[in-house]
Amino acid sequence: MTTFDDRERAFEAKFAMDEDMAFRVIARRNRLLGHWAAAKMNLTPEETDAYAKAVVQADFEESGDEDVIRKLLGDLTAAGIEIDDAAVRQAVEDQMVEARRQLMEAK
């Protein structure tokens, strides 16, 4: 029975690691999205850091990406930036790829 128990523990450990990595990728992506949007809004470096943190926090409102997309779209529109939903969603995809790349390099 020890082999089965060892395999079960290994699967549980891998699941936990995968979940942790997924969380880190999403958090990194959201931070990168904050920097992307801040650059479009011409924010100062201090404002950019605060805004990036606000985007990360916005992701905790509901599951999925809709809360982040809604925040970005609303803030960019309020700042007078001409942007549509599709452009924001494309930025989410682009920054997801970049976040994964950055975390894989850090390994």
PDB file of N, CA and C in Angstrom:
ATOM      1  N   MET A   1       0.813  -1.195   0.000  1.00  0.00           N
ATOM      2  CA  MET A   1       0.000   0.000   0.000  1.00  0.00           C
ATOM      3  C   MET A   1       0.861   1.265   0.000  1.00  0.00           C
ATOM      4  N   THR A   2       2.106   1.169   0.355  1.00  0.00           N
ATOM      5  CA  THR A   2       2.976   2.342   0.430  1.00  0.00           C
ATOM      6  C   THR A   2       3.179   2.980  -0.934  1.00  0.00           C
ATOM      7  N   THR A   3       3.318   2.169  -1.975  1.00  0.00           N
ATOM      8  CA  THR A   3       3.500   2.704  -3.322  1.00  0.00           C
ATOM      9  C   THR A   3       2.293   3.534  -3.731  1.00  0.00           C
ATOM     10  N   PHE A   4       1.102   3.034  -3.448  1.00  0.00           N
ATOM     11  CA  PHE A   4      -0.113   3.781  -3.770  1.00  0.00           C
ATOM     12  C   PHE A   4      -0.161   5.090  -2.987  1.00  0.00           C
ATOM     13  N   ASP A   5       0.170   5.042  -1.704  1.00  0.00           N
ATOM     14  CA  ASP A   5       0.176   6.250  -0.866  1.00  0.00           C
ATOM     15  C   ASP A   5       1.202   7.257  -1.374  1.00  0.00           C
ATOM     16  N   ASP A   6       2.368   6.764  -1.777  1.00  0.00           N
ATOM     17  CA  ASP A   6       3.405   7.643  -2.314  1.00  0.00           C
ATOM     18  C   ASP A   6       2.937   8.318  -3.603  1.00  0.00           C
ATOM     19  N   ARG A   7       2.301   7.561  -4.472  1.00  0.00           N
ATOM     20  CA  ARG A   7       1.786   8.129  -5.727  1.00  0.00           C
ATOM     21  C   ARG A   7       0.711   9.170  -5.439  1.00  0.00           C
ATOM     22  N   GLU A   8      -0.148   8.876  -4.486  1.00  0.00           N
ATOM     23  CA  GLU A   8      -1.215   9.821  -4.149  1.00  0.00           C
ATOM     24  C   GLU A   8      -0.623  11.130  -3.614  1.00  0.00           C
ATOM     25  N   ARG A   9       0.368  11.025  -2.738  1.00  0.00           N
ATOM     26  CA  ARG A   9       1.027  12.220  -2.204  1.00  0.00           C
ATOM     27  C   ARG A   9       1.730  12.991  -3.323  1.00  0.00           C
ATOM     28  N   ALA A  10       2.341  12.279  -4.255  1.00  0.00           N
ATOM     29  CA  ALA A  10       3.022  12.940  -5.376  1.00  0.00           C
ATOM     30  C   ALA A  10       2.023  13.693  -6.254  1.00  0.00           C
ATOM     31  N   PHE A  11       0.880  13.084  -6.531  1.00  0.00           N
ATOM     32  CA  PHE A  11      -0.155  13.751  -7.329  1.00  0.00           C
ATOM     33  C   PHE A  11      -0.691  14.983  -6.604  1.00  0.00           C
ATOM     34  N   GLU A  12      -0.891  14.872  -5.313  1.00  0.00           N
ATOM     35  CA  GLU A  12      -1.386  16.003  -4.533  1.00  0.00           C
ATOM     36  C   GLU A  12      -0.361  17.134  -4.522  1.00  0.00           C
ATOM     37  N   ALA A  13       0.910  16.783  -4.383  1.00  0.00           N
ATOM     38  CA  ALA A  13       1.961  17.799  -4.387  1.00  0.00           C
ATOM     39  C   ALA A  13       2.042  18.489  -5.750  1.00  0.00           C
ATOM     40  N   LYS A  14       1.933  17.718  -6.825  1.00  0.00           N
ATOM     41  CA  LYS A  14       1.973  18.301  -8.166  1.00  0.00           C
ATOM     42  C   LYS A  14       0.776  19.214  -8.389  1.00  0.00           C
ATOM     43  N   PHE A  15      -0.398  18.794  -7.945  1.00  0.00           N
ATOM     44  CA  PHE A  15      -1.591  19.620  -8.074  1.00  0.00           C
ATOM     45  C   PHE A  15      -1.391  20.947  -7.342  1.00  0.00           C
ATOM     46  N   ALA A  16      -0.857  20.884  -6.137  1.00  0.00           N
ATOM     47  CA  ALA A  16      -0.622  22.102  -5.352  1.00  0.00           C
ATOM     48  C   ALA A  16       0.381  23.016  -6.054  1.00  0.00           C
ATOM     49  N   MET A  17       1.430  22.439  -6.614  1.00  0.00           N
ATOM     50  CA  MET A  17       2.423  23.236  -7.344  1.00  0.00           C
ATOM     51  C   MET A  17       1.818  23.870  -8.584  1.00  0.00           C
ATOM     52  N   ASP A  18       1.003  23.111  -9.312  1.00  0.00           N
ATOM     53  CA  ASP A  18       0.351  23.635 -10.515  1.00  0.00           C
ATOM     54  C   ASP A  18      -0.593  24.782 -10.176  1.00  0.00           C
ATOM     55  N   GLU A  19      -1.348  24.628  -9.094  1.00  0.00           N
ATOM     56  CA  GLU A  19      -2.264  25.689  -8.670  1.00  0.00           C
ATOM     57  C   GLU A  19      -1.494  26.941  -8.247  1.00  0.00           C
ATOM     58  N   ASP A  20      -0.394  26.756  -7.541  1.00  0.00           N
ATOM     59  CA  ASP A  20       0.436  27.878  -7.121  1.00  0.00           C
ATOM     60  C   ASP A  20       0.999  28.603  -8.343  1.00  0.00           C
ATOM     61  N   MET A  21       1.475  27.849  -9.326  1.00  0.00           N
ATOM     62  CA  MET A  21       2.022  28.461 -10.530  1.00  0.00           C
ATOM     63  C   MET A  21       0.943  29.207 -11.304  1.00  0.00           C
ATOM     64  N   ALA A  22      -0.244  28.644 -11.396  1.00  0.00           N
ATOM     65  CA  ALA A  22      -1.347  29.312 -12.091  1.00  0.00           C
ATOM     66  C   ALA A  22      -1.683  30.636 -11.405  1.00  0.00           C
ATOM     67  N   PHE A  23      -1.700  30.646 -10.081  1.00  0.00           N
ATOM     68  CA  PHE A  23      -1.966  31.877  -9.339  1.00  0.00           C
ATOM     69  C   PHE A  23      -0.887  32.913  -9.618  1.00  0.00           C
ATOM     70  N   ARG A  24       0.362  32.488  -9.611  1.00  0.00           N
ATOM     71  CA  ARG A  24       1.473  33.414  -9.862  1.00  0.00           C
ATOM     72  C   ARG A  24       1.419  33.993 -11.271  1.00  0.00           C
ATOM     73  N   VAL A  25       1.077  33.163 -12.251  1.00  0.00           N
ATOM     74  CA  VAL A  25       0.987  33.632 -13.634  1.00  0.00           C
ATOM     75  C   VAL A  25      -0.106  34.683 -13.758  1.00  0.00           C
ATOM     76  N   ILE A  26      -1.263  34.425 -13.167  1.00  0.00           N
ATOM     77  CA  ILE A  26      -2.378  35.381 -13.240  1.00  0.00           C
ATOM     78  C   ILE A  26      -2.007  36.689 -12.541  1.00  0.00           C
ATOM     79  N   ALA A  27      -1.399  36.604 -11.378  1.00  0.00           N
ATOM     80  CA  ALA A  27      -1.007  37.812 -10.650  1.00  0.00           C
ATOM     81  C   ALA A  27       0.029  38.610 -11.449  1.00  0.00           C
ATOM     82  N   ARG A  28       1.002  37.908 -12.041  1.00  0.00           N
ATOM     83  CA  ARG A  28       2.009  38.590 -12.867  1.00  0.00           C
ATOM     84  C   ARG A  28       1.350  39.218 -14.088  1.00  0.00           C
ATOM     85  N   ARG A  29       0.446  38.492 -14.727  1.00  0.00           N
ATOM     86  CA  ARG A  29      -0.263  39.017 -15.893  1.00  0.00           C
ATOM     87  C   ARG A  29      -1.012  40.298 -15.532  1.00  0.00           C
ATOM     88  N   ASN A  30      -1.701  40.282 -14.399  1.00  0.00           N
ATOM     89  CA  ASN A  30      -2.470  41.450 -13.993  1.00  0.00           C
ATOM     90  C   ASN A  30      -1.574  42.646 -13.705  1.00  0.00           C
ATOM     91  N   ARG A  31      -0.415  42.377 -13.116  1.00  0.00           N
ATOM     92  CA  ARG A  31       0.535  43.464 -12.864  1.00  0.00           C
ATOM     93  C   ARG A  31       1.026  44.041 -14.190  1.00  0.00           C
ATOM     94  N   LEU A  32       1.342  43.163 -15.134  1.00  0.00           N
ATOM     95  CA  LEU A  32       1.775  43.614 -16.453  1.00  0.00           C
ATOM     96  C   LEU A  32       0.670  44.393 -17.162  1.00  0.00           C
ATOM     97  N   LEU A  33      -0.575  43.955 -17.008  1.00  0.00           N
ATOM     98  CA  LEU A  33      -1.708  44.693 -17.583  1.00  0.00           C
ATOM     99  C   LEU A  33      -1.815  46.081 -16.965  1.00  0.00           C
ATOM    100  N   GLY A  34      -1.575  46.173 -15.672  1.00  0.00           N
ATOM    101  CA  GLY A  34      -1.596  47.477 -15.011  1.00  0.00           C
ATOM    102  C   GLY A  34      -0.553  48.410 -15.583  1.00  0.00           C
ATOM    103  N   HIS A  35       0.632  47.877 -15.834  1.00  0.00           N
ATOM    104  CA  HIS A  35       1.702  48.690 -16.432  1.00  0.00           C
ATOM    105  C   HIS A  35       1.354  49.080 -17.865  1.00  0.00           C
ATOM    106  N   TRP A  36       0.759  48.154 -18.602  1.00  0.00           N
ATOM    107  CA  TRP A  36       0.350  48.425 -19.985  1.00  0.00           C
ATOM    108  C   TRP A  36      -0.669  49.565 -20.026  1.00  0.00           C
ATOM    109  N   ALA A  37      -1.700  49.468 -19.191  1.00  0.00           N
ATOM    110  CA  ALA A  37      -2.743  50.494 -19.168  1.00  0.00           C
ATOM    111  C   ALA A  37      -2.191  51.820 -18.647  1.00  0.00           C
ATOM    112  N   ALA A  38      -1.326  51.772 -17.646  1.00  0.00           N
ATOM    113  CA  ALA A  38      -0.744  52.992 -17.087  1.00  0.00           C
ATOM    114  C   ALA A  38       0.078  53.732 -18.144  1.00  0.00           C
ATOM    115  N   ALA A  39       0.788  52.984 -18.981  1.00  0.00           N
ATOM    116  CA  ALA A  39       1.567  53.615 -20.057  1.00  0.00           C
ATOM    117  C   ALA A  39       0.632  54.326 -21.034  1.00  0.00           C
ATOM    118  N   LYS A  40      -0.503  53.718 -21.340  1.00  0.00           N
ATOM    119  CA  LYS A  40      -1.487  54.346 -22.233  1.00  0.00           C
ATOM    120  C   LYS A  40      -2.071  55.616 -21.617  1.00  0.00           C
ATOM    121  N   MET A  41      -2.205  55.633 -20.282  1.00  0.00           N
ATOM    122  CA  MET A  41      -2.780  56.780 -19.592  1.00  0.00           C
ATOM    123  C   MET A  41      -1.723  57.805 -19.184  1.00  0.00           C
ATOM    124  N   ASN A  42      -0.457  57.541 -19.538  1.00  0.00           N
ATOM    125  CA  ASN A  42       0.663  58.449 -19.216  1.00  0.00           C
ATOM    126  C   ASN A  42       0.786  58.722 -17.717  1.00  0.00           C
ATOM    127  N   LEU A  43       0.689  57.674 -16.912  1.00  0.00           N
ATOM    128  CA  LEU A  43       0.826  57.823 -15.467  1.00  0.00           C
ATOM    129  C   LEU A  43       2.306  57.926 -15.089  1.00  0.00           C
ATOM    130  N   THR A  44       2.574  58.555 -13.948  1.00  0.00           N
ATOM    131  CA  THR A  44       3.938  58.646 -13.435  1.00  0.00           C
ATOM    132  C   THR A  44       4.371  57.266 -12.929  1.00  0.00           C
ATOM    133  N   PRO A  45       5.666  57.058 -12.706  1.00  0.00           N
ATOM    134  CA  PRO A  45       6.112  55.756 -12.182  1.00  0.00           C
ATOM    135  C   PRO A  45       5.434  55.371 -10.862  1.00  0.00           C
ATOM    136  N   GLU A  46       5.224  56.337  -9.972  1.00  0.00           N
ATOM    137  CA  GLU A  46       4.569  56.044  -8.701  1.00  0.00           C
ATOM    138  C   GLU A  46       3.106  55.668  -8.930  1.00  0.00           C
ATOM    139  N   GLU A  47       2.446  56.418  -9.806  1.00  0.00           N
ATOM    140  CA  GLU A  47       1.051  56.126 -10.120  1.00  0.00           C
ATOM    141  C   GLU A  47       0.936  54.772 -10.829  1.00  0.00           C
ATOM    142  N   THR A  48       1.927  54.455 -11.662  1.00  0.00           N
ATOM    143  CA  THR A  48       1.929  53.180 -12.379  1.00  0.00           C
ATOM    144  C   THR A  48       1.992  52.020 -11.407  1.00  0.00           C
ATOM    145  N   ASP A  49       2.876  52.099 -10.427  1.00  0.00           N
ATOM    146  CA  ASP A  49       2.976  51.022  -9.433  1.00  0.00           C
ATOM    147  C   ASP A  49       1.678  50.859  -8.654  1.00  0.00           C
ATOM    148  N   ALA A  50       1.089  51.978  -8.245  1.00  0.00           N
ATOM    149  CA  ALA A  50      -0.176  51.919  -7.499  1.00  0.00           C
ATOM    150  C   ALA A  50      -1.283  51.362  -8.384  1.00  0.00           C
ATOM    151  N   TYR A  51      -1.306  51.751  -9.642  1.00  0.00           N
ATOM    152  CA  TYR A  51      -2.352  51.283 -10.538  1.00  0.00           C
ATOM    153  C   TYR A  51      -2.204  49.780 -10.807  1.00  0.00           C
ATOM    154  N   ALA A  52      -0.966  49.329 -10.986  1.00  0.00           N
ATOM    155  CA  ALA A  52      -0.732  47.902 -11.214  1.00  0.00           C
ATOM    156  C   ALA A  52      -1.225  47.084 -10.020  1.00  0.00           C
ATOM    157  N   LYS A  53      -0.998  47.577  -8.815  1.00  0.00           N
ATOM    158  CA  LYS A  53      -1.491  46.893  -7.617  1.00  0.00           C
ATOM    159  C   LYS A  53      -3.022  46.882  -7.589  1.00  0.00           C
ATOM    160  N   ALA A  54      -3.630  47.979  -8.025  1.00  0.00           N
ATOM    161  CA  ALA A  54      -5.089  48.059  -8.057  1.00  0.00           C
ATOM    162  C   ALA A  54      -5.674  47.061  -9.048  1.00  0.00           C
ATOM    163  N   VAL A  55      -4.984  46.850 -10.170  1.00  0.00           N
ATOM    164  CA  VAL A  55      -5.459  45.870 -11.155  1.00  0.00           C
ATOM    165  C   VAL A  55      -5.365  44.461 -10.571  1.00  0.00           C
ATOM    166  N   VAL A  56      -4.281  44.168  -9.878  1.00  0.00           N
ATOM    167  CA  VAL A  56      -4.141  42.855  -9.228  1.00  0.00           C
ATOM    168  C   VAL A  56      -5.268  42.668  -8.211  1.00  0.00           C
ATOM    169  N   GLN A  57      -5.561  43.695  -7.426  1.00  0.00           N
ATOM    170  CA  GLN A  57      -6.632  43.616  -6.431  1.00  0.00           C
ATOM    171  C   GLN A  57      -8.002  43.436  -7.078  1.00  0.00           C
ATOM    172  N   ALA A  58      -8.190  44.043  -8.239  1.00  0.00           N
ATOM    173  CA  ALA A  58      -9.487  43.949  -8.926  1.00  0.00           C
ATOM    174  C   ALA A  58      -9.821  42.511  -9.295  1.00  0.00           C
ATOM    175  N   ASP A  59      -8.807  41.681  -9.477  1.00  0.00           N
ATOM    176  CA  ASP A  59      -9.044  40.296  -9.872  1.00  0.00           C
ATOM    177  C   ASP A  59      -9.685  39.476  -8.763  1.00  0.00           C
ATOM    178  N   PHE A  60      -9.671  39.974  -7.545  1.00  0.00           N
ATOM    179  CA  PHE A  60     -10.243  39.232  -6.423  1.00  0.00           C
ATOM    180  C   PHE A  60     -11.738  39.487  -6.253  1.00  0.00           C
ATOM    181  N   GLU A  61     -12.319  40.354  -7.099  1.00  0.00           N
ATOM    182  CA  GLU A  61     -13.747  40.671  -6.980  1.00  0.00           C
ATOM    183  C   GLU A  61     -14.630  39.495  -7.378  1.00  0.00           C
ATOM    184  N   GLU A  62     -14.263  38.791  -8.443  1.00  0.00           N
ATOM    185  CA  GLU A  62     -15.028  37.631  -8.906  1.00  0.00           C
ATOM    186  C   GLU A  62     -14.088  36.700  -9.648  1.00  0.00           C
ATOM    187  N   SER A  63     -14.492  35.466  -9.837  1.00  0.00           N
ATOM    188  CA  SER A  63     -13.618  34.537 -10.547  1.00  0.00           C
ATOM    189  C   SER A  63     -13.639  34.858 -12.039  1.00  0.00           C
ATOM    190  N   GLY A  64     -12.564  34.544 -12.702  1.00  0.00           N
ATOM    191  CA  GLY A  64     -12.451  34.832 -14.128  1.00  0.00           C
ATOM    192  C   GLY A  64     -11.789  36.173 -14.378  1.00  0.00           C
ATOM    193  N   ASP A  65     -11.723  36.532 -15.640  1.00  0.00           N
ATOM    194  CA  ASP A  65     -11.019  37.749 -16.045  1.00  0.00           C
ATOM    195  C   ASP A  65     -11.922  38.958 -16.225  1.00  0.00           C
ATOM    196  N   GLU A  66     -13.225  38.764 -16.147  1.00  0.00           N
ATOM    197  CA  GLU A  66     -14.156  39.851 -16.459  1.00  0.00           C
ATOM    198  C   GLU A  66     -13.985  41.061 -15.548  1.00  0.00           C
ATOM    199  N   ASP A  67     -13.676  40.842 -14.265  1.00  0.00           N
ATOM    200  CA  ASP A  67     -13.499  41.969 -13.360  1.00  0.00           C
ATOM    201  C   ASP A  67     -12.290  42.814 -13.752  1.00  0.00           C
ATOM    202  N   VAL A  68     -11.215  42.174 -14.176  1.00  0.00           N
ATOM    203  CA  VAL A  68     -10.014  42.894 -14.605  1.00  0.00           C
ATOM    204  C   VAL A  68     -10.287  43.633 -15.914  1.00  0.00           C
ATOM    205  N   ILE A  69     -10.924  42.963 -16.853  1.00  0.00           N
ATOM    206  CA  ILE A  69     -11.236  43.589 -18.143  1.00  0.00           C
ATOM    207  C   ILE A  69     -12.138  44.796 -17.933  1.00  0.00           C
ATOM    208  N   ARG A  70     -13.137  44.645 -17.073  1.00  0.00           N
ATOM    209  CA  ARG A  70     -14.058  45.741 -16.786  1.00  0.00           C
ATOM    210  C   ARG A  70     -13.312  46.938 -16.191  1.00  0.00           C
ATOM    211  N   LYS A  71     -12.387  46.671 -15.258  1.00  0.00           N
ATOM    212  CA  LYS A  71     -11.608  47.752 -14.643  1.00  0.00           C
ATOM    213  C   LYS A  71     -10.746  48.449 -15.678  1.00  0.00           C
ATOM    214  N   LEU A  72     -10.006  47.667 -16.457  1.00  0.00           N
ATOM    215  CA  LEU A  72      -9.124  48.265 -17.458  1.00  0.00           C
ATOM    216  C   LEU A  72      -9.911  49.090 -18.469  1.00  0.00           C
ATOM    217  N   LEU A  73     -10.968  48.515 -18.989  1.00  0.00           N
ATOM    218  CA  LEU A  73     -11.775  49.205 -19.991  1.00  0.00           C
ATOM    219  C   LEU A  73     -12.376  50.486 -19.419  1.00  0.00           C
ATOM    220  N   GLY A  74     -12.900  50.413 -18.205  1.00  0.00           N
ATOM    221  CA  GLY A  74     -13.481  51.589 -17.562  1.00  0.00           C
ATOM    222  C   GLY A  74     -12.467  52.677 -17.300  1.00  0.00           C
ATOM    223  N   ASP A  75     -11.298  52.296 -16.780  1.00  0.00           N
ATOM    224  CA  ASP A  75     -10.265  53.285 -16.469  1.00  0.00           C
ATOM    225  C   ASP A  75      -9.690  53.913 -17.727  1.00  0.00           C
ATOM    226  N   LEU A  76      -9.450  53.101 -18.754  1.00  0.00           N
ATOM    227  CA  LEU A  76      -8.905  53.639 -20.001  1.00  0.00           C
ATOM    228  C   LEU A  76      -9.911  54.575 -20.672  1.00  0.00           C
ATOM    229  N   THR A  77     -11.157  54.190 -20.686  1.00  0.00           N
ATOM    230  CA  THR A  77     -12.203  55.026 -21.281  1.00  0.00           C
ATOM    231  C   THR A  77     -12.338  56.332 -20.499  1.00  0.00           C
ATOM    232  N   ALA A  78     -12.315  56.239 -19.159  1.00  0.00           N
ATOM    233  CA  ALA A  78     -12.426  57.433 -18.313  1.00  0.00           C
ATOM    234  C   ALA A  78     -11.249  58.385 -18.529  1.00  0.00           C
ATOM    235  N   ALA A  79     -10.097  57.824 -18.902  1.00  0.00           N
ATOM    236  CA  ALA A  79      -8.912  58.649 -19.152  1.00  0.00           C
ATOM    237  C   ALA A  79      -8.907  59.231 -20.563  1.00  0.00           C
ATOM    238  N   GLY A  80      -9.963  58.926 -21.334  1.00  0.00           N
ATOM    239  CA  GLY A  80     -10.061  59.477 -22.680  1.00  0.00           C
ATOM    240  C   GLY A  80      -9.313  58.684 -23.733  1.00  0.00           C
ATOM    241  N   ILE A  81      -8.952  57.449 -23.411  1.00  0.00           N
ATOM    242  CA  ILE A  81      -8.238  56.586 -24.354  1.00  0.00           C
ATOM    243  C   ILE A  81      -9.276  55.869 -25.215  1.00  0.00           C
ATOM    244  N   GLU A  82      -9.115  55.960 -26.524  1.00  0.00           N
ATOM    245  CA  GLU A  82     -10.011  55.256 -27.457  1.00  0.00           C
ATOM    246  C   GLU A  82      -9.594  53.790 -27.504  1.00  0.00           C
ATOM    247  N   ILE A  83     -10.376  52.929 -26.886  1.00  0.00           N
ATOM    248  CA  ILE A  83     -10.056  51.500 -26.858  1.00  0.00           C
ATOM    249  C   ILE A  83     -11.357  50.713 -26.752  1.00  0.00           C
ATOM    250  N   ASP A  84     -11.358  49.524 -27.310  1.00  0.00           N
ATOM    251  CA  ASP A  84     -12.563  48.702 -27.240  1.00  0.00           C
ATOM    252  C   ASP A  84     -12.274  47.418 -26.471  1.00  0.00           C
ATOM    253  N   ASP A  85     -13.333  46.678 -26.235  1.00  0.00           N
ATOM    254  CA  ASP A  85     -13.256  45.430 -25.476  1.00  0.00           C
ATOM    255  C   ASP A  85     -12.269  44.451 -26.108  1.00  0.00           C
ATOM    256  N   ALA A  86     -12.290  44.349 -27.444  1.00  0.00           N
ATOM    257  CA  ALA A  86     -11.413  43.397 -28.139  1.00  0.00           C
ATOM    258  C   ALA A  86      -9.941  43.728 -27.922  1.00  0.00           C
ATOM    259  N   ALA A  87      -9.599  45.009 -27.901  1.00  0.00           N
ATOM    260  CA  ALA A  87      -8.205  45.409 -27.690  1.00  0.00           C
ATOM    261  C   ALA A  87      -7.746  45.072 -26.281  1.00  0.00           C
ATOM    262  N   VAL A  88      -8.621  45.258 -25.314  1.00  0.00           N
ATOM    263  CA  VAL A  88      -8.281  44.929 -23.932  1.00  0.00           C
ATOM    264  C   VAL A  88      -8.120  43.412 -23.789  1.00  0.00           C
ATOM    265  N   ARG A  89      -9.024  42.652 -24.388  1.00  0.00           N
ATOM    266  CA  ARG A  89      -8.922  41.186 -24.326  1.00  0.00           C
ATOM    267  C   ARG A  89      -7.644  40.693 -25.008  1.00  0.00           C
ATOM    268  N   GLN A  90      -7.239  41.338 -26.087  1.00  0.00           N
ATOM    269  CA  GLN A  90      -5.991  40.970 -26.760  1.00  0.00           C
ATOM    270  C   GLN A  90      -4.800  41.265 -25.847  1.00  0.00           C
ATOM    271  N   ALA A  91      -4.860  42.388 -25.147  1.00  0.00           N
ATOM    272  CA  ALA A  91      -3.794  42.723 -24.197  1.00  0.00           C
ATOM    273  C   ALA A  91      -3.726  41.691 -23.076  1.00  0.00           C
ATOM    274  N   VAL A  92      -4.883  41.211 -22.625  1.00  0.00           N
ATOM    275  CA  VAL A  92      -4.912  40.171 -21.579  1.00  0.00           C
ATOM    276  C   VAL A  92      -4.194  38.923 -22.086  1.00  0.00           C
ATOM    277  N   GLU A  93      -4.492  38.521 -23.300  1.00  0.00           N
ATOM    278  CA  GLU A  93      -3.829  37.340 -23.879  1.00  0.00           C
ATOM    279  C   GLU A  93      -2.331  37.565 -24.035  1.00  0.00           C
ATOM    280  N   ASP A  94      -1.945  38.729 -24.557  1.00  0.00           N
ATOM    281  CA  ASP A  94      -0.528  39.039 -24.766  1.00  0.00           C
ATOM    282  C   ASP A  94       0.239  39.037 -23.450  1.00  0.00           C
ATOM    283  N   GLN A  95      -0.349  39.652 -22.429  1.00  0.00           N
ATOM    284  CA  GLN A  95       0.339  39.728 -21.142  1.00  0.00           C
ATOM    285  C   GLN A  95       0.370  38.373 -20.432  1.00  0.00           C
ATOM    286  N   MET A  96      -0.592  37.507 -20.732  1.00  0.00           N
ATOM    287  CA  MET A  96      -0.571  36.147 -20.178  1.00  0.00           C
ATOM    288  C   MET A  96       0.649  35.397 -20.711  1.00  0.00           C
ATOM    289  N   VAL A  97       0.887  35.535 -21.997  1.00  0.00           N
ATOM    290  CA  VAL A  97       2.053  34.893 -22.614  1.00  0.00           C
ATOM    291  C   VAL A  97       3.338  35.442 -21.992  1.00  0.00           C
ATOM    292  N   GLU A  98       3.409  36.759 -21.828  1.00  0.00           N
ATOM    293  CA  GLU A  98       4.598  37.383 -21.251  1.00  0.00           C
ATOM    294  C   GLU A  98       4.789  36.959 -19.789  1.00  0.00           C
ATOM    295  N   ALA A  99       3.721  36.868 -19.038  1.00  0.00           N
ATOM    296  CA  ALA A  99       3.822  36.455 -17.632  1.00  0.00           C
ATOM    297  C   ALA A  99       4.358  35.027 -17.534  1.00  0.00           C
ATOM    298  N   ARG A 100       3.842  34.142 -18.362  1.00  0.00           N
ATOM    299  CA  ARG A 100       4.356  32.756 -18.361  1.00  0.00           C
ATOM    300  C   ARG A 100       5.830  32.720 -18.717  1.00  0.00           C
ATOM    301  N   ARG A 101       6.205  33.498 -19.730  1.00  0.00           N
ATOM    302  CA  ARG A 101       7.607  33.529 -20.160  1.00  0.00           C
ATOM    303  C   ARG A 101       8.495  34.015 -19.018  1.00  0.00           C
ATOM    304  N   GLN A 102       8.088  35.071 -18.360  1.00  0.00           N
ATOM    305  CA  GLN A 102       8.887  35.621 -17.253  1.00  0.00           C
ATOM    306  C   GLN A 102       9.032  34.622 -16.115  1.00  0.00           C
ATOM    307  N   LEU A 103       7.948  33.941 -15.770  1.00  0.00           N
ATOM    308  CA  LEU A 103       8.025  32.986 -14.671  1.00  0.00           C
ATOM    309  C   LEU A 103       8.827  31.745 -15.036  1.00  0.00           C
ATOM    310  N   MET A 104       8.778  31.327 -16.285  1.00  0.00           N
ATOM    311  CA  MET A 104       9.574  30.185 -16.713  1.00  0.00           C
ATOM    312  C   MET A 104      11.063  30.530 -16.714  1.00  0.00           C
ATOM    313  N   GLU A 105      11.382  31.759 -17.092  1.00  0.00           N
ATOM    314  CA  GLU A 105      12.783  32.195 -17.053  1.00  0.00           C
ATOM    315  C   GLU A 105      13.298  32.267 -15.625  1.00  0.00           C
ATOM    316  N   ALA A 106      12.422  32.634 -14.698  1.00  0.00           N
ATOM    317  CA  ALA A 106      12.818  32.780 -13.299  1.00  0.00           C
ATOM    318  C   ALA A 106      13.071  31.440 -12.624  1.00  0.00           C
ATOM    319  N   LYS A 107      12.511  30.380 -13.195  1.00  0.00           N
ATOM    320  CA  LYS A 107      12.681  29.049 -12.596  1.00  0.00           C
ATOM    321  C   LYS A 107      14.111  28.687 -12.588  1.00  0.00           C
TER     322      LYS A 107
END
